[in-house]
PDB file of N, CA and C in Angstrom:
ATOM      1  N   MET A   1     -25.780  16.906  31.779  1.00  0.00           N
ATOM      2  CA  MET A   1     -25.726  16.792  33.228  1.00  0.00           C
ATOM      3  C   MET A   1     -27.045  15.602  33.255  1.00  0.00           C
ATOM      4  N   LYS A   2     -26.718  14.837  34.378  1.00  0.00           N
ATOM      5  CA  LYS A   2     -27.574  13.252  34.590  1.00  0.00           C
ATOM      6  C   LYS A   2     -28.432  13.940  35.784  1.00  0.00           C
ATOM      7  N   LEU A   3     -29.762  13.353  36.019  1.00  0.00           N
ATOM      8  CA  LEU A   3     -30.559  13.898  37.175  1.00  0.00           C
ATOM      9  C   LEU A   3     -29.453  13.540  38.510  1.00  0.00           C
ATOM     10  N   PRO A   4     -29.717  14.606  39.519  1.00  0.00           N
ATOM     11  CA  PRO A   4     -28.725  14.400  41.025  1.00  0.00           C
ATOM     12  C   PRO A   4     -29.889  13.150  41.664  1.00  0.00           C
ATOM     13  N   ASP A   5     -28.838  12.588  42.219  1.00  0.00           N
ATOM     14  CA  ASP A   5     -29.213  11.207  43.043  1.00  0.00           C
ATOM     15  C   ASP A   5     -30.383  10.560  42.653  1.00  0.00           C
ATOM     16  N   LEU A   6     -30.434  10.171  41.253  1.00  0.00           N
ATOM     17  CA  LEU A   6     -30.647   9.036  40.937  1.00  0.00           C
ATOM     18  C   LEU A   6     -31.147   7.600  41.154  1.00  0.00           C
ATOM     19  N   GLY A   7     -30.435   7.592  41.991  1.00  0.00           N
ATOM     20  CA  GLY A   7     -30.527   5.953  42.806  1.00  0.00           C
ATOM     21  C   GLY A   7     -31.484   5.972  43.716  1.00  0.00           C
ATOM     22  N   ASN A   8     -31.833   7.414  44.398  1.00  0.00           N
ATOM     23  CA  ASN A   8     -33.097   7.303  45.510  1.00  0.00           C
ATOM     24  C   ASN A   8     -34.059   8.041  44.701  1.00  0.00           C
ATOM     25  N   ALA A   9     -34.266   8.076  43.373  1.00  0.00           N
ATOM     26  CA  ALA A   9     -35.565   8.663  43.226  1.00  0.00           C
ATOM     27  C   ALA A   9     -36.837   8.109  43.359  1.00  0.00           C
ATOM     28  N   GLU A  10     -38.051   8.892  43.783  1.00  0.00           N
ATOM     29  CA  GLU A  10     -39.103   8.077  44.009  1.00  0.00           C
ATOM     30  C   GLU A  10     -40.353   8.151  42.700  1.00  0.00           C
ATOM     31  N   ILE A  11     -40.427   7.012  42.592  1.00  0.00           N
ATOM     32  CA  ILE A  11     -41.369   6.683  41.222  1.00  0.00           C
ATOM     33  C   ILE A  11     -42.946   6.419  42.307  1.00  0.00           C
ATOM     34  N   PRO A  12     -44.264   6.912  42.615  1.00  0.00           N
ATOM     35  CA  PRO A  12     -44.425   5.964  43.645  1.00  0.00           C
ATOM     36  C   PRO A  12     -45.713   5.405  42.684  1.00  0.00           C
ATOM     37  N   GLN A  13     -46.319   4.059  43.466  1.00  0.00           N
ATOM     38  CA  GLN A  13     -47.152   3.313  42.352  1.00  0.00           C
ATOM     39  C   GLN A  13     -48.270   3.970  41.932  1.00  0.00           C
ATOM     40  N   LYS A  14     -48.830   5.116  42.763  1.00  0.00           N
ATOM     41  CA  LYS A  14     -49.829   5.754  42.526  1.00  0.00           C
ATOM     42  C   LYS A  14     -49.827   6.735  41.304  1.00  0.00           C
ATOM     43  N   LYS A  15     -48.773   7.423  41.148  1.00  0.00           N
ATOM     44  CA  LYS A  15     -47.970   8.391  40.582  1.00  0.00           C
ATOM     45  C   LYS A  15     -48.214   7.731  38.636  1.00  0.00           C
ATOM     46  N   ILE A  16     -47.797   6.458  38.905  1.00  0.00           N
ATOM     47  CA  ILE A  16     -48.081   4.914  37.698  1.00  0.00           C
ATOM     48  C   ILE A  16     -49.336   5.107  37.558  1.00  0.00           C
ATOM     49  N   THR A  17     -50.049   3.865  38.623  1.00  0.00           N
ATOM     50  CA  THR A  17     -51.196   3.201  38.295  1.00  0.00           C
ATOM     51  C   THR A  17     -52.872   4.261  38.177  1.00  0.00           C
ATOM     52  N   GLY A  18     -52.542   5.281  38.823  1.00  0.00           N
ATOM     53  CA  GLY A  18     -53.462   6.446  39.324  1.00  0.00           C
ATOM     54  C   GLY A  18     -53.581   7.303  38.424  1.00  0.00           C
ATOM     55  N   TYR A  19     -51.990   7.619  37.209  1.00  0.00           N
ATOM     56  CA  TYR A  19     -52.367   8.868  36.698  1.00  0.00           C
ATOM     57  C   TYR A  19     -51.681   8.378  35.258  1.00  0.00           C
ATOM     58  N   LEU A  20     -50.487   7.980  35.225  1.00  0.00           N
ATOM     59  CA  LEU A  20     -49.824   7.688  33.969  1.00  0.00           C
ATOM     60  C   LEU A  20     -50.069   6.633  33.170  1.00  0.00           C
ATOM     61  N   LEU A  21     -50.982   5.599  33.734  1.00  0.00           N
ATOM     62  CA  LEU A  21     -51.721   4.079  33.086  1.00  0.00           C
ATOM     63  C   LEU A  21     -52.849   4.393  33.983  1.00  0.00           C
ATOM     64  N   SER A  22     -53.874   5.284  34.184  1.00  0.00           N
ATOM     65  CA  SER A  22     -54.722   5.609  34.120  1.00  0.00           C
ATOM     66  C   SER A  22     -55.657   5.931  33.151  1.00  0.00           C
ATOM     67  N   THR A  23     -57.050   5.004  32.893  1.00  0.00           N
ATOM     68  CA  THR A  23     -57.789   5.404  31.799  1.00  0.00           C
ATOM     69  C   THR A  23     -58.862   5.991  32.200  1.00  0.00           C
ATOM     70  N   THR A  24     -59.075   6.282  33.424  1.00  0.00           N
ATOM     71  CA  THR A  24     -60.018   7.096  34.267  1.00  0.00           C
ATOM     72  C   THR A  24     -59.522   8.495  34.532  1.00  0.00           C
ATOM     73  N   HIS A  25     -58.145   9.202  34.756  1.00  0.00           N
ATOM     74  CA  HIS A  25     -57.753  10.289  35.118  1.00  0.00           C
ATOM     75  C   HIS A  25     -58.179  11.075  34.290  1.00  0.00           C
ATOM     76  N   ARG A  26     -58.979  12.119  34.422  1.00  0.00           N
ATOM     77  CA  ARG A  26     -58.996  13.263  33.042  1.00  0.00           C
ATOM     78  C   ARG A  26     -57.606  13.501  32.557  1.00  0.00           C
ATOM     79  N   HIS A  27     -56.901  13.694  33.071  1.00  0.00           N
ATOM     80  CA  HIS A  27     -55.054  13.999  32.561  1.00  0.00           C
ATOM     81  C   HIS A  27     -54.691  13.129  32.188  1.00  0.00           C
ATOM     82  N   GLY A  28     -54.590  11.619  32.606  1.00  0.00           N
ATOM     83  CA  GLY A  28     -53.837  10.713  32.853  1.00  0.00           C
ATOM     84  C   GLY A  28     -54.565   9.688  31.554  1.00  0.00           C
ATOM     85  N   ARG A  29     -55.535   9.515  31.003  1.00  0.00           N
ATOM     86  CA  ARG A  29     -55.763   8.671  30.149  1.00  0.00           C
ATOM     87  C   ARG A  29     -55.430   8.912  28.797  1.00  0.00           C
ATOM     88  N   GLY A  30     -54.881   9.836  28.226  1.00  0.00           N
ATOM     89  CA  GLY A  30     -54.270  10.123  26.966  1.00  0.00           C
ATOM     90  C   GLY A  30     -52.685   9.732  26.871  1.00  0.00           C
ATOM     91  N   LYS A  31     -52.303   9.922  28.240  1.00  0.00           N
ATOM     92  CA  LYS A  31     -51.194   8.911  28.644  1.00  0.00           C
ATOM     93  C   LYS A  31     -50.935   7.371  28.457  1.00  0.00           C
ATOM     94  N   ALA A  32     -51.982   7.154  28.997  1.00  0.00           N
ATOM     95  CA  ALA A  32     -52.460   5.478  29.410  1.00  0.00           C
ATOM     96  C   ALA A  32     -52.330   4.788  27.933  1.00  0.00           C
ATOM     97  N   ALA A  33     -53.326   5.659  26.952  1.00  0.00           N
ATOM     98  CA  ALA A  33     -53.994   4.987  25.829  1.00  0.00           C
ATOM     99  C   ALA A  33     -52.369   4.430  24.910  1.00  0.00           C
ATOM    100  N   ILE A  34     -51.000   5.892  25.127  1.00  0.00           N
ATOM    101  CA  ILE A  34     -50.274   6.092  24.591  1.00  0.00           C
ATOM    102  C   ILE A  34     -49.147   4.898  25.127  1.00  0.00           C
ATOM    103  N   PHE A  35     -48.927   4.837  26.486  1.00  0.00           N
ATOM    104  CA  PHE A  35     -48.090   3.956  26.957  1.00  0.00           C
ATOM    105  C   PHE A  35     -48.843   2.560  26.946  1.00  0.00           C
ATOM    106  N   GLU A  36     -49.661   2.548  27.281  1.00  0.00           N
ATOM    107  CA  GLU A  36     -50.282   0.787  26.374  1.00  0.00           C
ATOM    108  C   GLU A  36     -49.892  -0.005  25.058  1.00  0.00           C
ATOM    109  N   ARG A  37     -50.253   1.117  24.322  1.00  0.00           N
ATOM    110  CA  ARG A  37     -49.680   1.000  23.020  1.00  0.00           C
ATOM    111  C   ARG A  37     -48.373  -0.126  22.930  1.00  0.00           C
ATOM    112  N   TYR A  38     -47.250   0.928  23.809  1.00  0.00           N
ATOM    113  CA  TYR A  38     -46.024   0.409  23.677  1.00  0.00           C
ATOM    114  C   TYR A  38     -45.981  -0.866  24.635  1.00  0.00           C
ATOM    115  N   GLY A  39     -47.004  -1.248  25.535  1.00  0.00           N
ATOM    116  CA  GLY A  39     -46.392  -2.562  26.131  1.00  0.00           C
ATOM    117  C   GLY A  39     -46.853  -2.352  27.407  1.00  0.00           C
ATOM    118  N   PHE A  40     -46.935  -1.189  28.176  1.00  0.00           N
ATOM    119  CA  PHE A  40     -47.039  -1.028  29.403  1.00  0.00           C
ATOM    120  C   PHE A  40     -48.530  -1.149  30.254  1.00  0.00           C
ATOM    121  N   SER A  41     -48.345  -1.459  31.548  1.00  0.00           N
ATOM    122  CA  SER A  41     -49.770  -1.884  31.644  1.00  0.00           C
ATOM    123  C   SER A  41     -49.813  -1.778  33.622  1.00  0.00           C
ATOM    124  N   ALA A  42     -51.409  -1.492  33.695  1.00  0.00           N
ATOM    125  CA  ALA A  42     -51.133  -0.808  35.264  1.00  0.00           C
ATOM    126  C   ALA A  42     -51.224  -2.097  35.766  1.00  0.00           C
ATOM    127  N   GLN A  43     -51.411  -3.232  35.621  1.00  0.00           N
ATOM    128  CA  GLN A  43     -51.267  -4.470  36.034  1.00  0.00           C
ATOM    129  C   GLN A  43     -49.954  -4.830  36.625  1.00  0.00           C
ATOM    130  N   HIS A  44     -48.974  -4.149  35.780  1.00  0.00           N
ATOM    131  CA  HIS A  44     -47.183  -4.680  36.195  1.00  0.00           C
ATOM    132  C   HIS A  44     -46.637  -3.465  35.614  1.00  0.00           C
ATOM    133  N   TRP A  45     -47.456  -2.453  36.747  1.00  0.00           N
ATOM    134  CA  TRP A  45     -46.247  -0.798  36.821  1.00  0.00           C
ATOM    135  C   TRP A  45     -45.383  -0.835  37.320  1.00  0.00           C
ATOM    136  N   GLU A  46     -45.072  -1.352  37.681  1.00  0.00           N
ATOM    137  CA  GLU A  46     -43.197  -1.353  38.216  1.00  0.00           C
ATOM    138  C   GLU A  46     -42.088  -1.677  36.625  1.00  0.00           C
ATOM    139  N   THR A  47     -42.659  -2.220  35.827  1.00  0.00           N
ATOM    140  CA  THR A  47     -42.335  -2.219  34.249  1.00  0.00           C
ATOM    141  C   THR A  47     -41.577  -0.874  33.994  1.00  0.00           C
ATOM    142  N   LEU A  48     -43.258   0.400  33.977  1.00  0.00           N
ATOM    143  CA  LEU A  48     -43.027   1.501  33.771  1.00  0.00           C
ATOM    144  C   LEU A  48     -42.266   2.653  34.470  1.00  0.00           C
ATOM    145  N   ALA A  49     -42.018   1.869  35.952  1.00  0.00           N
ATOM    146  CA  ALA A  49     -41.419   2.789  36.955  1.00  0.00           C
ATOM    147  C   ALA A  49     -39.782   2.764  36.710  1.00  0.00           C
ATOM    148  N   GLU A  50     -39.684   1.419  36.292  1.00  0.00           N
ATOM    149  CA  GLU A  50     -38.404   0.970  35.903  1.00  0.00           C
ATOM    150  C   GLU A  50     -37.525   1.626  34.539  1.00  0.00           C
ATOM    151  N   ALA A  51     -38.291   1.224  33.630  1.00  0.00           N
ATOM    152  CA  ALA A  51     -38.296   2.047  32.148  1.00  0.00           C
ATOM    153  C   ALA A  51     -37.790   3.635  32.244  1.00  0.00           C
ATOM    154  N   LEU A  52     -38.680   4.088  33.368  1.00  0.00           N
ATOM    155  CA  LEU A  52     -38.515   5.824  33.356  1.00  0.00           C
ATOM    156  C   LEU A  52     -37.230   5.915  34.411  1.00  0.00           C
ATOM    157  N   ARG A  53     -36.853   5.529  35.040  1.00  0.00           N
ATOM    158  CA  ARG A  53     -35.480   5.124  35.715  1.00  0.00           C
ATOM    159  C   ARG A  53     -34.034   5.054  34.600  1.00  0.00           C
ATOM    160  N   ARG A  54     -34.411   4.365  34.226  1.00  0.00           N
ATOM    161  CA  ARG A  54     -33.684   3.779  32.848  1.00  0.00           C
ATOM    162  C   ARG A  54     -33.420   4.968  31.983  1.00  0.00           C
ATOM    163  N   HIS A  55     -34.624   5.509  31.429  1.00  0.00           N
ATOM    164  CA  HIS A  55     -34.665   6.299  30.610  1.00  0.00           C
ATOM    165  C   HIS A  55     -33.826   8.141  31.282  1.00  0.00           C
ATOM    166  N   ALA A  56     -34.049   8.238  32.727  1.00  0.00           N
ATOM    167  CA  ALA A  56     -33.096   8.987  33.432  1.00  0.00           C
ATOM    168  C   ALA A  56     -31.491   8.825  33.278  1.00  0.00           C
ATOM    169  N   ALA A  57     -31.482   7.432  33.750  1.00  0.00           N
ATOM    170  CA  ALA A  57     -30.023   7.215  33.743  1.00  0.00           C
ATOM    171  C   ALA A  57     -29.114   7.178  32.125  1.00  0.00           C
ATOM    172  N   GLU A  58     -29.732   7.054  31.143  1.00  0.00           N
ATOM    173  CA  GLU A  58     -29.607   7.090  29.987  1.00  0.00           C
ATOM    174  C   GLU A  58     -29.540   8.511  29.052  1.00  0.00           C
ATOM    175  N   ASN A  59     -30.512   9.284  29.646  1.00  0.00           N
ATOM    176  CA  ASN A  59     -30.655  10.513  28.992  1.00  0.00           C
ATOM    177  C   ASN A  59     -29.981  11.642  29.849  1.00  0.00           C
ATOM    178  N   GLU A  60     -30.056  13.002  28.930  1.00  0.00           N
ATOM    179  CA  GLU A  60     -29.436  13.794  29.711  1.00  0.00           C
ATOM    180  C   GLU A  60     -30.263  14.990  30.129  1.00  0.00           C
ATOM    181  N   ILE A  61     -30.157  16.242  31.248  1.00  0.00           N
ATOM    182  CA  ILE A  61     -31.297  16.941  31.379  1.00  0.00           C
ATOM    183  C   ILE A  61     -31.024  18.047  30.352  1.00  0.00           C
ATOM    184  N   VAL A  62     -32.133  18.183  29.786  1.00  0.00           N
ATOM    185  CA  VAL A  62     -32.075  19.265  28.888  1.00  0.00           C
ATOM    186  C   VAL A  62     -32.863  20.903  29.213  1.00  0.00           C
ATOM    187  N   LYS A  63     -33.278  21.292  30.157  1.00  0.00           N
ATOM    188  CA  LYS A  63     -34.094  21.896  31.281  1.00  0.00           C
ATOM    189  C   LYS A  63     -34.305  21.887  32.883  1.00  0.00           C
ATOM    190  N   ILE A  64     -33.591  22.942  33.256  1.00  0.00           N
ATOM    191  CA  ILE A  64     -33.825  23.045  34.970  1.00  0.00           C
ATOM    192  C   ILE A  64     -34.587  24.107  34.897  1.00  0.00           C
ATOM    193  N   GLU A  65     -35.617  24.182  35.850  1.00  0.00           N
ATOM    194  CA  GLU A  65     -36.638  25.316  35.967  1.00  0.00           C
ATOM    195  C   GLU A  65     -36.714  25.228  37.721  1.00  0.00           C
ATOM    196  N   ARG A  66     -36.189  26.307  38.234  1.00  0.00           N
ATOM    197  CA  ARG A  66     -36.791  26.795  39.796  1.00  0.00           C
ATOM    198  C   ARG A  66     -37.843  27.378  39.699  1.00  0.00           C
ATOM    199  N   THR A  67     -38.135  26.547  41.084  1.00  0.00           N
ATOM    200  CA  THR A  67     -39.620  27.260  41.210  1.00  0.00           C
ATOM    201  C   THR A  67     -39.786  27.897  42.674  1.00  0.00           C
ATOM    202  N   PRO A  68     -40.865  28.267  43.140  1.00  0.00           N
ATOM    203  CA  PRO A  68     -40.804  28.797  44.246  1.00  0.00           C
ATOM    204  C   PRO A  68     -40.716  27.377  45.585  1.00  0.00           C
ATOM    205  N   PHE A  69     -41.103  26.261  45.282  1.00  0.00           N
ATOM    206  CA  PHE A  69     -41.505  25.286  46.007  1.00  0.00           C
ATOM    207  C   PHE A  69     -40.212  24.165  45.901  1.00  0.00           C
ATOM    208  N   GLY A  70     -39.526  24.511  44.571  1.00  0.00           N
ATOM    209  CA  GLY A  70     -38.027  23.463  44.399  1.00  0.00           C
ATOM    210  C   GLY A  70     -37.790  23.366  43.388  1.00  0.00           C
ATOM    211  N   THR A  71     -37.079  22.598  42.784  1.00  0.00           N
ATOM    212  CA  THR A  71     -36.164  22.518  41.142  1.00  0.00           C
ATOM    213  C   THR A  71     -36.851  21.865  40.425  1.00  0.00           C
ATOM    214  N   ARG A  72     -37.303  21.575  39.096  1.00  0.00           N
ATOM    215  CA  ARG A  72     -37.566  20.880  38.302  1.00  0.00           C
ATOM    216  C   ARG A  72     -36.428  20.202  37.204  1.00  0.00           C
ATOM    217  N   TYR A  73     -36.514  18.999  36.818  1.00  0.00           N
ATOM    218  CA  TYR A  73     -35.379  18.583  36.067  1.00  0.00           C
ATOM    219  C   TYR A  73     -36.780  18.277  34.786  1.00  0.00           C
ATOM    220  N   ILE A  74     -36.040  18.210  33.363  1.00  0.00           N
ATOM    221  CA  ILE A  74     -36.132  17.999  32.454  1.00  0.00           C
ATOM    222  C   ILE A  74     -35.759  17.250  31.555  1.00  0.00           C
ATOM    223  N   ILE A  75     -36.243  15.667  31.075  1.00  0.00           N
ATOM    224  CA  ILE A  75     -35.183  14.748  30.705  1.00  0.00           C
ATOM    225  C   ILE A  75     -36.086  13.857  29.184  1.00  0.00           C
ATOM    226  N   GLU A  76     -35.316  14.947  28.349  1.00  0.00           N
ATOM    227  CA  GLU A  76     -35.822  14.157  27.198  1.00  0.00           C
ATOM    228  C   GLU A  76     -35.020  13.071  26.012  1.00  0.00           C
ATOM    229  N   GLY A  77     -35.455  11.955  25.968  1.00  0.00           N
ATOM    230  CA  GLY A  77     -35.122  11.144  25.114  1.00  0.00           C
ATOM    231  C   GLY A  77     -36.068   9.758  24.912  1.00  0.00           C
ATOM    232  N   PRO A  78     -34.760   8.624  24.502  1.00  0.00           N
ATOM    233  CA  PRO A  78     -36.000   7.166  24.141  1.00  0.00           C
ATOM    234  C   PRO A  78     -36.250   6.617  25.021  1.00  0.00           C
ATOM    235  N   LEU A  79     -36.980   6.027  25.103  1.00  0.00           N
ATOM    236  CA  LEU A  79     -37.457   5.432  26.418  1.00  0.00           C
ATOM    237  C   LEU A  79     -37.625   3.567  26.145  1.00  0.00           C
ATOM    238  N   GLN A  80     -36.972   2.939  26.455  1.00  0.00           N
ATOM    239  CA  GLN A  80     -37.235   1.286  25.994  1.00  0.00           C
ATOM    240  C   GLN A  80     -38.536   0.945  26.592  1.00  0.00           C
ATOM    241  N   ALA A  81     -39.456   0.535  25.529  1.00  0.00           N
ATOM    242  CA  ALA A  81     -40.976  -0.534  26.082  1.00  0.00           C
ATOM    243  C   ALA A  81     -40.724  -1.685  25.581  1.00  0.00           C
ATOM    244  N   PRO A  82     -41.903  -2.188  26.453  1.00  0.00           N
ATOM    245  CA  PRO A  82     -41.616  -3.933  26.419  1.00  0.00           C
ATOM    246  C   PRO A  82     -41.504  -4.136  24.858  1.00  0.00           C
ATOM    247  N   ASN A  83     -43.027  -3.412  24.169  1.00  0.00           N
ATOM    248  CA  ASN A  83     -42.557  -3.995  23.033  1.00  0.00           C
ATOM    249  C   ASN A  83     -41.531  -3.945  21.752  1.00  0.00           C
ATOM    250  N   GLY A  84     -40.496  -3.441  22.585  1.00  0.00           N
ATOM    251  CA  GLY A  84     -38.896  -2.966  21.370  1.00  0.00           C
ATOM    252  C   GLY A  84     -39.360  -1.826  21.060  1.00  0.00           C
ATOM    253  N   GLU A  85     -40.101  -0.723  21.174  1.00  0.00           N
ATOM    254  CA  GLU A  85     -40.413  -0.216  20.185  1.00  0.00           C
ATOM    255  C   GLU A  85     -39.265   1.054  21.681  1.00  0.00           C
ATOM    256  N   ARG A  86     -39.075   2.255  20.857  1.00  0.00           N
ATOM    257  CA  ARG A  86     -38.083   3.161  21.451  1.00  0.00           C
ATOM    258  C   ARG A  86     -38.754   4.537  21.303  1.00  0.00           C
ATOM    259  N   PRO A  87     -40.112   4.689  22.045  1.00  0.00           N
ATOM    260  CA  PRO A  87     -40.475   6.187  21.714  1.00  0.00           C
ATOM    261  C   PRO A  87     -40.207   7.432  22.442  1.00  0.00           C
ATOM    262  N   TYR A  88     -40.144   8.679  21.905  1.00  0.00           N
ATOM    263  CA  TYR A  88     -39.227   9.782  22.594  1.00  0.00           C
ATOM    264  C   TYR A  88     -40.384  10.272  23.360  1.00  0.00           C
ATOM    265  N   LEU A  89     -39.709  10.174  25.382  1.00  0.00           N
ATOM    266  CA  LEU A  89     -40.231  11.124  26.101  1.00  0.00           C
ATOM    267  C   LEU A  89     -39.680  12.246  26.741  1.00  0.00           C
ATOM    268  N   ARG A  90     -40.744  12.866  27.237  1.00  0.00           N
ATOM    269  CA  ARG A  90     -39.865  14.027  27.833  1.00  0.00           C
ATOM    270  C   ARG A  90     -40.497  13.624  29.499  1.00  0.00           C
ATOM    271  N   VAL A  91     -39.922  13.324  30.301  1.00  0.00           N
ATOM    272  CA  VAL A  91     -40.132  12.669  31.767  1.00  0.00           C
ATOM    273  C   VAL A  91     -39.369  14.155  32.778  1.00  0.00           C
ATOM    274  N   VAL A  92     -40.372  14.527  33.475  1.00  0.00           N
ATOM    275  CA  VAL A  92     -40.086  15.865  34.278  1.00  0.00           C
ATOM    276  C   VAL A  92     -40.324  15.143  35.777  1.00  0.00           C
ATOM    277  N   TRP A  93     -39.198  15.687  36.469  1.00  0.00           N
ATOM    278  CA  TRP A  93     -38.813  14.941  37.693  1.00  0.00           C
ATOM    279  C   TRP A  93     -38.713  16.303  38.558  1.00  0.00           C
ATOM    280  N   PHE A  94     -39.156  16.636  39.778  1.00  0.00           N
ATOM    281  CA  PHE A  94     -38.899  17.829  40.837  1.00  0.00           C
ATOM    282  C   PHE A  94     -38.267  17.026  42.115  1.00  0.00           C
ATOM    283  N   ILE A  95     -37.501  18.240  42.593  1.00  0.00           N
ATOM    284  CA  ILE A  95     -36.841  17.930  43.967  1.00  0.00           C
ATOM    285  C   ILE A  95     -37.241  19.476  44.897  1.00  0.00           C
ATOM    286  N   GLU A  96     -38.102  18.804  46.146  1.00  0.00           N
ATOM    287  CA  GLU A  96     -38.283  20.326  46.702  1.00  0.00           C
ATOM    288  C   GLU A  96     -37.174  20.850  47.447  1.00  0.00           C
ATOM    289  N   HIS A  97     -37.766  21.825  47.608  1.00  0.00           N
ATOM    290  CA  HIS A  97     -36.764  22.421  48.496  1.00  0.00           C
ATOM    291  C   HIS A  97     -36.022  22.132  49.940  1.00  0.00           C
ATOM    292  N   GLY A  98     -34.778  22.136  49.960  1.00  0.00           N
ATOM    293  CA  GLY A  98     -34.258  21.160  51.235  1.00  0.00           C
ATOM    294  C   GLY A  98     -34.454  20.162  50.928  1.00  0.00           C
ATOM    295  N   GLN A  99     -34.665  19.241  50.176  1.00  0.00           N
ATOM    296  CA  GLN A  99     -34.948  17.626  49.864  1.00  0.00           C
ATOM    297  C   GLN A  99     -33.201  17.718  48.893  1.00  0.00           C
ATOM    298  N   THR A 100     -33.004  16.396  48.850  1.00  0.00           N
ATOM    299  CA  THR A 100     -32.337  15.741  47.644  1.00  0.00           C
ATOM    300  C   THR A 100     -32.928  14.618  46.718  1.00  0.00           C
ATOM    301  N   THR A 101     -33.695  14.630  47.028  1.00  0.00           N
ATOM    302  CA  THR A 101     -34.720  13.163  46.723  1.00  0.00           C
ATOM    303  C   THR A 101     -35.344  13.426  45.353  1.00  0.00           C
ATOM    304  N   PRO A 102     -34.798  13.358  44.107  1.00  0.00           N
ATOM    305  CA  PRO A 102     -35.814  13.618  42.885  1.00  0.00           C
ATOM    306  C   PRO A 102     -37.211  12.788  43.331  1.00  0.00           C
ATOM    307  N   ARG A 103     -38.456  13.469  42.749  1.00  0.00           N
ATOM    308  CA  ARG A 103     -39.435  12.530  42.584  1.00  0.00           C
ATOM    309  C   ARG A 103     -40.077  12.598  41.190  1.00  0.00           C
ATOM    310  N   LEU A 104     -40.676  11.845  40.820  1.00  0.00           N
ATOM    311  CA  LEU A 104     -41.307  11.618  39.518  1.00  0.00           C
ATOM    312  C   LEU A 104     -42.407  13.079  39.435  1.00  0.00           C
ATOM    313  N   ALA A 105     -42.505  13.313  38.386  1.00  0.00           N
ATOM    314  CA  ALA A 105     -43.835  14.566  38.641  1.00  0.00           C
ATOM    315  C   ALA A 105     -44.786  13.914  37.190  1.00  0.00           C
ATOM    316  N   THR A 106     -44.016  13.823  36.061  1.00  0.00           N
ATOM    317  CA  THR A 106     -45.064  13.540  34.856  1.00  0.00           C
ATOM    318  C   THR A 106     -44.025  12.948  33.805  1.00  0.00           C
ATOM    319  N   ALA A 107     -44.646  12.633  32.785  1.00  0.00           N
ATOM    320  CA  ALA A 107     -43.840  11.747  31.601  1.00  0.00           C
ATOM    321  C   ALA A 107     -44.992  11.517  30.455  1.00  0.00           C
ATOM    322  N   TYR A 108     -44.425  12.365  29.152  1.00  0.00           N
ATOM    323  CA  TYR A 108     -45.231  12.373  28.129  1.00  0.00           C
ATOM    324  C   TYR A 108     -44.626  11.665  27.038  1.00  0.00           C
ATOM    325  N   PRO A 109     -44.913  11.609  26.322  1.00  0.00           N
ATOM    326  CA  PRO A 109     -44.455  11.157  24.804  1.00  0.00           C
ATOM    327  C   PRO A 109     -44.191  12.785  24.086  1.00  0.00           C
ATOM    328  N   LEU A 110     -42.964  13.004  23.222  1.00  0.00           N
ATOM    329  CA  LEU A 110     -42.731  14.034  22.170  1.00  0.00           C
ATOM    330  C   LEU A 110     -42.448  13.294  21.091  1.00  0.00           C
ATOM    331  N   LYS A 111     -42.771  14.716  19.658  1.00  0.00           N
ATOM    332  CA  LYS A 111     -42.276  14.266  18.479  1.00  0.00           C
ATOM    333  C   LYS A 111     -40.727  13.851  18.677  1.00  0.00           C
ATOM    334  N   ARG A 112     -40.389  12.974  18.156  1.00  0.00           N
ATOM    335  CA  ARG A 112     -38.848  12.645  17.594  1.00  0.00           C
ATOM    336  C   ARG A 112     -38.263  13.784  16.775  1.00  0.00           C
ATOM    337  N   PRO A 113     -37.170  14.436  17.461  1.00  0.00           N
ATOM    338  CA  PRO A 113     -36.652  15.550  17.063  1.00  0.00           C
ATOM    339  C   PRO A 113     -36.083  15.355  15.516  1.00  0.00           C
ATOM    340  N   SER A 114     -36.251  15.924  14.228  1.00  0.00           N
ATOM    341  CA  SER A 114     -35.961  15.685  12.689  1.00  0.00           C
ATOM    342  C   SER A 114     -34.255  14.795  12.955  1.00  0.00           C
ATOM    343  N   SER A 115     -33.349  15.482  13.969  1.00  0.00           N
ATOM    344  CA  SER A 115     -31.998  15.007  13.811  1.00  0.00           C
ATOM    345  C   SER A 115     -31.895  13.605  14.117  1.00  0.00           C
ATOM    346  N   LEU A 116     -33.041  13.289  14.752  1.00  0.00           N
ATOM    347  CA  LEU A 116     -32.857  11.581  15.427  1.00  0.00           C
ATOM    348  C   LEU A 116     -33.924  10.901  14.569  1.00  0.00           C
ATOM    349  N   ARG A 117     -34.152  11.299  13.685  1.00  0.00           N
ATOM    350  CA  ARG A 117     -35.479  10.624  12.889  1.00  0.00           C
ATOM    351  C   ARG A 117     -34.622   9.373  12.087  1.00  0.00           C
TER     352      ARG A 117
END
């Protein structure tokens, strides 16, 4: 299963620059170091946003979690990075109750499953 309404998925600039690529964010700075190692940068945040959209288009949902606030969609698979590598990522999207538009919640690297090494 693919992410519903992917064409309208929201990836706010602040989620990328203020979190995933922020070297000062308490929870984001570790992710920023990893994403920067693969060639992503806050200056060109749109590159990561587009790569995350492609990730959702190319990979299947591995888990759906219902919460009191909406539905969380978890997608795992390789992400095409600017430096040519394809790190294995978990990307989490969220659709609030009563809404149809997925919104990026977080993204982080995973160990590639042994079956894919």
